[in-house]
Amino acid sequence: MLVVGVTGGIGSGKTAATDRFQALGITVVDADLASRVVVEPGRPALKAIEEHFGKEVIADDGTLNRRALRDIVFANPEERKWLERLTHPLIAQEIVNQIQASQSPYTILASPLLLESGQSRMAQRVLVIDVPEDVQIARTATRDNTDAKSVKAIIAAQMKRADRLAKADDVIVNDRSLEDLHQAVDALHQQYLEMAKSL
């Protein structure tokens, strides 16, 4: 099974790219969704997070208040490390289960932390969706209704752009239209279909 890891900094358009792969009939295993599954109410990870960070990271409906938790861990690297030690092994197992269940010719593993978390070991190729930093900031500030300073803090916490690009097998520069992005994905889709046949 060919697994292609797709990553990129915040605001790069990873979701738009993986949505296109999905529209082409390819299973997309989303690490963000897996990370939500492992902290659902009733799961041991949510209890551990509440015990460590306190009630302010739990929403009124008993679910994780992701924004409150994100604000804490992006401001404090030690707290981020604690959270990653708890959740990364659980997320990895959830991802493996979903990849094994995939029925498409190849599978996309979409993860913002593909390279940082070691999830890239589950993939045979790495596709980076890349944009200049000013585009990242503008897109994310608009999308998340947040300020540029907060976006810059998230970018600073992520892998440096040059390091991410150095680890890529394939790169899509997503600084033009959605149509351009779709064309780039369609071209790679054909390549990946050919690669999958030879595995």
C-alpha atoms as a PDB file:
ATOM      1  CA  MET A   1       0.000   0.000   0.000  1.00  0.00           C
ATOM      2  CA  LEU A   2       1.465   3.341  -1.081  1.00  0.00           C
ATOM      3  CA  VAL A   3       0.960   5.950   1.634  1.00  0.00           C
ATOM      4  CA  VAL A   4       1.630   9.589   0.732  1.00  0.00           C
ATOM      5  CA  GLY A   5       2.096  11.931   3.675  1.00  0.00           C
ATOM      6  CA  VAL A   6       0.758  15.424   3.014  1.00  0.00           C
ATOM      7  CA  THR A   7       1.871  18.317   5.186  1.00  0.00           C
ATOM      8  CA  GLY A   8       2.499  22.050   5.171  1.00  0.00           C
ATOM      9  CA  GLY A   9       2.481  24.999   7.524  1.00  0.00           C
ATOM     10  CA  ILE A  10      -0.719  26.522   8.851  1.00  0.00           C
ATOM     11  CA  GLY A  11      -2.698  28.300   6.117  1.00  0.00           C
ATOM     12  CA  SER A  12      -0.863  26.506   3.292  1.00  0.00           C
ATOM     13  CA  GLY A  13      -3.988  24.868   1.871  1.00  0.00           C
ATOM     14  CA  LYS A  14      -3.418  21.269   2.990  1.00  0.00           C
ATOM     15  CA  THR A  15      -7.140  20.689   3.388  1.00  0.00           C
ATOM     16  CA  ALA A  16      -7.961  22.036  -0.078  1.00  0.00           C
ATOM     17  CA  ALA A  17      -5.325  19.675  -1.516  1.00  0.00           C
ATOM     18  CA  THR A  18      -6.491  16.614   0.410  1.00  0.00           C
ATOM     19  CA  ASP A  19     -10.135  17.398  -0.417  1.00  0.00           C
ATOM     20  CA  ARG A  20      -9.135  17.170  -4.079  1.00  0.00           C
ATOM     21  CA  PHE A  21      -7.431  13.788  -3.547  1.00  0.00           C
ATOM     22  CA  GLN A  22     -10.611  12.614  -1.806  1.00  0.00           C
ATOM     23  CA  ALA A  23     -12.731  13.843  -4.740  1.00  0.00           C
ATOM     24  CA  LEU A  24     -10.524  11.663  -6.969  1.00  0.00           C
ATOM     25  CA  GLY A  25     -11.527   8.601  -4.932  1.00  0.00           C
ATOM     26  CA  ILE A  26      -8.510   8.400  -2.623  1.00  0.00           C
ATOM     27  CA  THR A  27      -8.862   7.632   1.087  1.00  0.00           C
ATOM     28  CA  VAL A  28      -7.590  10.505   3.225  1.00  0.00           C
ATOM     29  CA  VAL A  29      -6.551   9.613   6.748  1.00  0.00           C
ATOM     30  CA  ASP A  30      -6.519  12.912   8.631  1.00  0.00           C
ATOM     31  CA  ALA A  31      -4.207  13.071  11.665  1.00  0.00           C
ATOM     32  CA  ASP A  32      -6.173  16.084  12.978  1.00  0.00           C
ATOM     33  CA  LEU A  33      -9.362  14.008  12.972  1.00  0.00           C
ATOM     34  CA  ALA A  34      -7.500  11.123  14.615  1.00  0.00           C
ATOM     35  CA  SER A  35      -6.266  13.582  17.258  1.00  0.00           C
ATOM     36  CA  ARG A  36      -9.892  14.556  17.928  1.00  0.00           C
ATOM     37  CA  VAL A  37     -10.997  10.928  18.257  1.00  0.00           C
ATOM     38  CA  VAL A  38      -8.428  10.143  20.965  1.00  0.00           C
ATOM     39  CA  VAL A  39      -9.614  13.056  23.169  1.00  0.00           C
ATOM     40  CA  GLU A  40     -13.353  12.439  22.835  1.00  0.00           C
ATOM     41  CA  PRO A  41     -15.395  12.375  26.069  1.00  0.00           C
ATOM     42  CA  GLY A  42     -14.980   9.036  27.825  1.00  0.00           C
ATOM     43  CA  ARG A  43     -11.478   8.464  26.431  1.00  0.00           C
ATOM     44  CA  PRO A  44      -8.608   8.209  28.966  1.00  0.00           C
ATOM     45  CA  ALA A  45      -6.624  11.002  27.258  1.00  0.00           C
ATOM     46  CA  LEU A  46      -9.326  13.614  27.938  1.00  0.00           C
ATOM     47  CA  LYS A  47      -9.349  12.733  31.639  1.00  0.00           C
ATOM     48  CA  ALA A  48      -5.543  13.041  31.802  1.00  0.00           C
ATOM     49  CA  ILE A  49      -5.663  16.435  30.025  1.00  0.00           C
ATOM     50  CA  GLU A  50      -8.295  17.721  32.451  1.00  0.00           C
ATOM     51  CA  GLU A  51      -6.280  16.512  35.461  1.00  0.00           C
ATOM     52  CA  HIS A  52      -3.120  18.191  34.144  1.00  0.00           C
ATOM     53  CA  PHE A  53      -4.454  21.502  32.773  1.00  0.00           C
ATOM     54  CA  GLY A  54      -7.612  21.986  34.843  1.00  0.00           C
ATOM     55  CA  LYS A  55     -11.291  22.549  34.114  1.00  0.00           C
ATOM     56  CA  GLU A  56     -10.673  25.584  31.864  1.00  0.00           C
ATOM     57  CA  VAL A  57      -9.687  23.295  28.975  1.00  0.00           C
ATOM     58  CA  ILE A  58     -13.030  21.442  29.146  1.00  0.00           C
ATOM     59  CA  ALA A  59     -16.037  23.002  27.400  1.00  0.00           C
ATOM     60  CA  ASP A  60     -19.491  23.172  29.006  1.00  0.00           C
ATOM     61  CA  ASP A  61     -20.629  20.137  26.988  1.00  0.00           C
ATOM     62  CA  GLY A  62     -17.764  18.008  28.359  1.00  0.00           C
ATOM     63  CA  THR A  63     -15.658  18.103  25.190  1.00  0.00           C
ATOM     64  CA  LEU A  64     -12.122  19.452  24.925  1.00  0.00           C
ATOM     65  CA  ASN A  65     -11.892  23.235  24.565  1.00  0.00           C
ATOM     66  CA  ARG A  66      -9.246  23.066  21.861  1.00  0.00           C
ATOM     67  CA  ARG A  67      -8.682  26.818  21.622  1.00  0.00           C
ATOM     68  CA  ALA A  68      -8.057  27.159  25.389  1.00  0.00           C
ATOM     69  CA  LEU A  69      -5.642  24.220  25.295  1.00  0.00           C
ATOM     70  CA  ARG A  70      -3.912  25.544  22.166  1.00  0.00           C
ATOM     71  CA  ASP A  71      -3.376  28.944  23.825  1.00  0.00           C
ATOM     72  CA  ILE A  72      -1.683  27.233  26.805  1.00  0.00           C
ATOM     73  CA  VAL A  73       0.578  24.878  24.849  1.00  0.00           C
ATOM     74  CA  PHE A  74       1.712  27.349  22.207  1.00  0.00           C
ATOM     75  CA  ALA A  75       2.731  29.779  24.972  1.00  0.00           C
ATOM     76  CA  ASN A  76       4.594  27.090  26.947  1.00  0.00           C
ATOM     77  CA  PRO A  77       6.880  24.605  25.137  1.00  0.00           C
ATOM     78  CA  GLU A  78       7.102  22.319  28.197  1.00  0.00           C
ATOM     79  CA  GLU A  79       3.317  21.980  28.341  1.00  0.00           C
ATOM     80  CA  ARG A  80       3.266  21.269  24.603  1.00  0.00           C
ATOM     81  CA  LYS A  81       5.806  18.475  25.096  1.00  0.00           C
ATOM     82  CA  TRP A  82       3.707  16.996  27.898  1.00  0.00           C
ATOM     83  CA  LEU A  83       0.618  16.988  25.687  1.00  0.00           C
ATOM     84  CA  GLU A  84       2.524  15.443  22.760  1.00  0.00           C
ATOM     85  CA  ARG A  85       3.919  12.652  24.973  1.00  0.00           C
ATOM     86  CA  LEU A  86       0.366  11.782  26.000  1.00  0.00           C
ATOM     87  CA  THR A  87      -1.398  12.029  22.660  1.00  0.00           C
ATOM     88  CA  HIS A  88       1.129  11.142  19.917  1.00  0.00           C
ATOM     89  CA  PRO A  89       1.228   7.362  20.591  1.00  0.00           C
ATOM     90  CA  LEU A  90      -2.594   7.245  20.742  1.00  0.00           C
ATOM     91  CA  ILE A  91      -2.930   9.260  17.526  1.00  0.00           C
ATOM     92  CA  ALA A  92      -0.344   7.052  15.780  1.00  0.00           C
ATOM     93  CA  GLN A  93      -2.333   3.903  16.591  1.00  0.00           C
ATOM     94  CA  GLU A  94      -5.587   5.479  15.362  1.00  0.00           C
ATOM     95  CA  ILE A  95      -3.845   6.478  12.093  1.00  0.00           C
ATOM     96  CA  VAL A  96      -2.439   2.956  11.571  1.00  0.00           C
ATOM     97  CA  ASN A  97      -5.919   1.477  12.069  1.00  0.00           C
ATOM     98  CA  GLN A  98      -7.401   3.842   9.468  1.00  0.00           C
ATOM     99  CA  ILE A  99      -4.596   3.259   6.919  1.00  0.00           C
ATOM    100  CA  GLN A 100      -5.035  -0.505   7.246  1.00  0.00           C
ATOM    101  CA  ALA A 101      -8.765  -0.104   6.571  1.00  0.00           C
ATOM    102  CA  SER A 102      -8.199   1.917   3.362  1.00  0.00           C
ATOM    103  CA  GLN A 103      -9.457   0.390   0.100  1.00  0.00           C
ATOM    104  CA  SER A 104      -8.244   3.014  -2.416  1.00  0.00           C
ATOM    105  CA  PRO A 105      -5.267   2.466  -4.829  1.00  0.00           C
ATOM    106  CA  TYR A 106      -3.073   4.531  -2.493  1.00  0.00           C
ATOM    107  CA  THR A 107      -3.765   6.412   0.729  1.00  0.00           C
ATOM    108  CA  ILE A 108      -3.144  10.004   1.784  1.00  0.00           C
ATOM    109  CA  LEU A 109      -2.001  10.666   5.352  1.00  0.00           C
ATOM    110  CA  ALA A 110      -2.725  14.348   6.008  1.00  0.00           C
ATOM    111  CA  SER A 111      -0.892  15.760   9.012  1.00  0.00           C
ATOM    112  CA  PRO A 112       0.336  19.229   9.981  1.00  0.00           C
ATOM    113  CA  LEU A 113       2.927  17.489  12.219  1.00  0.00           C
ATOM    114  CA  LEU A 114       3.841  14.732   9.759  1.00  0.00           C
ATOM    115  CA  LEU A 115       7.573  15.457   9.977  1.00  0.00           C
ATOM    116  CA  GLU A 116       7.771  16.684  13.584  1.00  0.00           C
ATOM    117  CA  SER A 117       5.840  13.762  15.089  1.00  0.00           C
ATOM    118  CA  GLY A 118       7.539  10.944  13.203  1.00  0.00           C
ATOM    119  CA  GLN A 119       4.280  10.114  11.394  1.00  0.00           C
ATOM    120  CA  SER A 120       6.247  10.388   8.127  1.00  0.00           C
ATOM    121  CA  ARG A 121       7.618   6.903   8.936  1.00  0.00           C
ATOM    122  CA  MET A 122       4.157   5.593   8.008  1.00  0.00           C
ATOM    123  CA  ALA A 123       4.481   7.089   4.496  1.00  0.00           C
ATOM    124  CA  GLN A 124       6.603   6.167   1.474  1.00  0.00           C
ATOM    125  CA  ARG A 125       6.462   9.713   0.064  1.00  0.00           C
ATOM    126  CA  VAL A 126       6.099  13.197   1.531  1.00  0.00           C
ATOM    127  CA  LEU A 127       4.133  15.896  -0.305  1.00  0.00           C
ATOM    128  CA  VAL A 128       4.552  19.421   1.061  1.00  0.00           C
ATOM    129  CA  ILE A 129       1.952  22.083   0.280  1.00  0.00           C
ATOM    130  CA  ASP A 130       3.982  25.275   0.428  1.00  0.00           C
ATOM    131  CA  VAL A 131       3.177  28.989   0.509  1.00  0.00           C
ATOM    132  CA  PRO A 132       5.174  32.102   1.418  1.00  0.00           C
ATOM    133  CA  GLU A 133       4.856  33.133   5.080  1.00  0.00           C
ATOM    134  CA  ASP A 134       2.953  36.348   4.312  1.00  0.00           C
ATOM    135  CA  VAL A 135       0.286  34.266   2.544  1.00  0.00           C
ATOM    136  CA  GLN A 136       0.117  31.884   5.540  1.00  0.00           C
ATOM    137  CA  ILE A 137      -0.458  34.802   7.915  1.00  0.00           C
ATOM    138  CA  ALA A 138      -3.100  36.501   5.758  1.00  0.00           C
ATOM    139  CA  ARG A 139      -5.043  33.286   5.084  1.00  0.00           C
ATOM    140  CA  THR A 140      -4.989  32.030   8.662  1.00  0.00           C
ATOM    141  CA  ALA A 141      -5.877  35.399  10.219  1.00  0.00           C
ATOM    142  CA  THR A 142      -8.895  35.626   7.896  1.00  0.00           C
ATOM    143  CA  ARG A 143      -9.948  31.977   8.273  1.00  0.00           C
ATOM    144  CA  ASP A 144      -9.607  31.738  12.068  1.00  0.00           C
ATOM    145  CA  ASN A 145     -10.590  35.348  12.806  1.00  0.00           C
ATOM    146  CA  THR A 146      -7.367  35.810  14.745  1.00  0.00           C
ATOM    147  CA  ASP A 147      -4.545  38.362  14.781  1.00  0.00           C
ATOM    148  CA  ALA A 148      -1.252  38.155  12.897  1.00  0.00           C
ATOM    149  CA  LYS A 149       0.733  37.868  16.159  1.00  0.00           C
ATOM    150  CA  SER A 150      -1.086  34.640  17.135  1.00  0.00           C
ATOM    151  CA  VAL A 151      -0.546  33.200  13.652  1.00  0.00           C
ATOM    152  CA  LYS A 152       3.175  34.053  13.792  1.00  0.00           C
ATOM    153  CA  ALA A 153       3.446  32.211  17.147  1.00  0.00           C
ATOM    154  CA  ILE A 154       1.936  29.090  15.564  1.00  0.00           C
ATOM    155  CA  ILE A 155       4.269  29.363  12.549  1.00  0.00           C
ATOM    156  CA  ALA A 156       7.249  29.741  14.929  1.00  0.00           C
ATOM    157  CA  ALA A 157       6.197  26.574  16.777  1.00  0.00           C
ATOM    158  CA  GLN A 158       6.027  24.586  13.523  1.00  0.00           C
ATOM    159  CA  MET A 159       8.974  23.201  11.568  1.00  0.00           C
ATOM    160  CA  LYS A 160      10.887  25.836   9.628  1.00  0.00           C
ATOM    161  CA  ARG A 161       9.736  26.143   6.028  1.00  0.00           C
ATOM    162  CA  ALA A 162      13.203  25.364   4.584  1.00  0.00           C
ATOM    163  CA  ASP A 163      13.507  22.223   6.751  1.00  0.00           C
ATOM    164  CA  ARG A 164      10.059  21.033   5.666  1.00  0.00           C
ATOM    165  CA  LEU A 165      10.887  21.569   1.984  1.00  0.00           C
ATOM    166  CA  ALA A 166      14.202  19.711   2.406  1.00  0.00           C
ATOM    167  CA  LYS A 167      12.307  16.592   3.533  1.00  0.00           C
ATOM    168  CA  ALA A 168       9.752  16.704   0.684  1.00  0.00           C
ATOM    169  CA  ASP A 169       9.619  14.220  -2.184  1.00  0.00           C
ATOM    170  CA  ASP A 170       6.997  16.381  -3.917  1.00  0.00           C
ATOM    171  CA  VAL A 171       6.060  20.049  -3.492  1.00  0.00           C
ATOM    172  CA  ILE A 172       2.991  22.002  -4.588  1.00  0.00           C
ATOM    173  CA  VAL A 173       3.394  25.777  -4.332  1.00  0.00           C
ATOM    174  CA  ASN A 174      -0.143  26.886  -3.500  1.00  0.00           C
ATOM    175  CA  ASP A 175       0.005  30.651  -3.993  1.00  0.00           C
ATOM    176  CA  ARG A 176      -2.371  30.899  -6.948  1.00  0.00           C
ATOM    177  CA  SER A 177      -5.991  29.860  -7.569  1.00  0.00           C
ATOM    178  CA  LEU A 178      -7.883  26.804  -6.341  1.00  0.00           C
ATOM    179  CA  GLU A 179      -8.030  25.654  -9.960  1.00  0.00           C
ATOM    180  CA  ASP A 180      -4.217  25.750 -10.142  1.00  0.00           C
ATOM    181  CA  LEU A 181      -4.036  23.691  -6.951  1.00  0.00           C
ATOM    182  CA  HIS A 182      -6.463  21.114  -8.381  1.00  0.00           C
ATOM    183  CA  GLN A 183      -4.378  20.804 -11.560  1.00  0.00           C
ATOM    184  CA  ALA A 184      -1.228  20.192  -9.507  1.00  0.00           C
ATOM    185  CA  VAL A 185      -3.004  17.547  -7.381  1.00  0.00           C
ATOM    186  CA  ASP A 186      -4.438  15.853 -10.477  1.00  0.00           C
ATOM    187  CA  ALA A 187      -0.943  15.541 -11.988  1.00  0.00           C
ATOM    188  CA  LEU A 188       0.471  13.997  -8.803  1.00  0.00           C
ATOM    189  CA  HIS A 189      -2.551  11.696  -8.558  1.00  0.00           C
ATOM    190  CA  GLN A 190      -1.572  10.131 -11.895  1.00  0.00           C
ATOM    191  CA  GLN A 191       2.021   9.695 -10.684  1.00  0.00           C
ATOM    192  CA  TYR A 192       0.889   8.090  -7.438  1.00  0.00           C
ATOM    193  CA  LEU A 193      -1.438   5.679  -9.268  1.00  0.00           C
ATOM    194  CA  GLU A 194       1.552   4.514 -11.344  1.00  0.00           C
ATOM    195  CA  MET A 195       3.757   4.183  -8.250  1.00  0.00           C
ATOM    196  CA  ALA A 196       1.065   2.227  -6.404  1.00  0.00           C
ATOM    197  CA  LYS A 197       0.938  -0.332  -9.228  1.00  0.00           C
ATOM    198  CA  SER A 198       4.611  -1.138  -8.792  1.00  0.00           C
ATOM    199  CA  LEU A 199       4.353  -1.822  -5.037  1.00  0.00           C
END
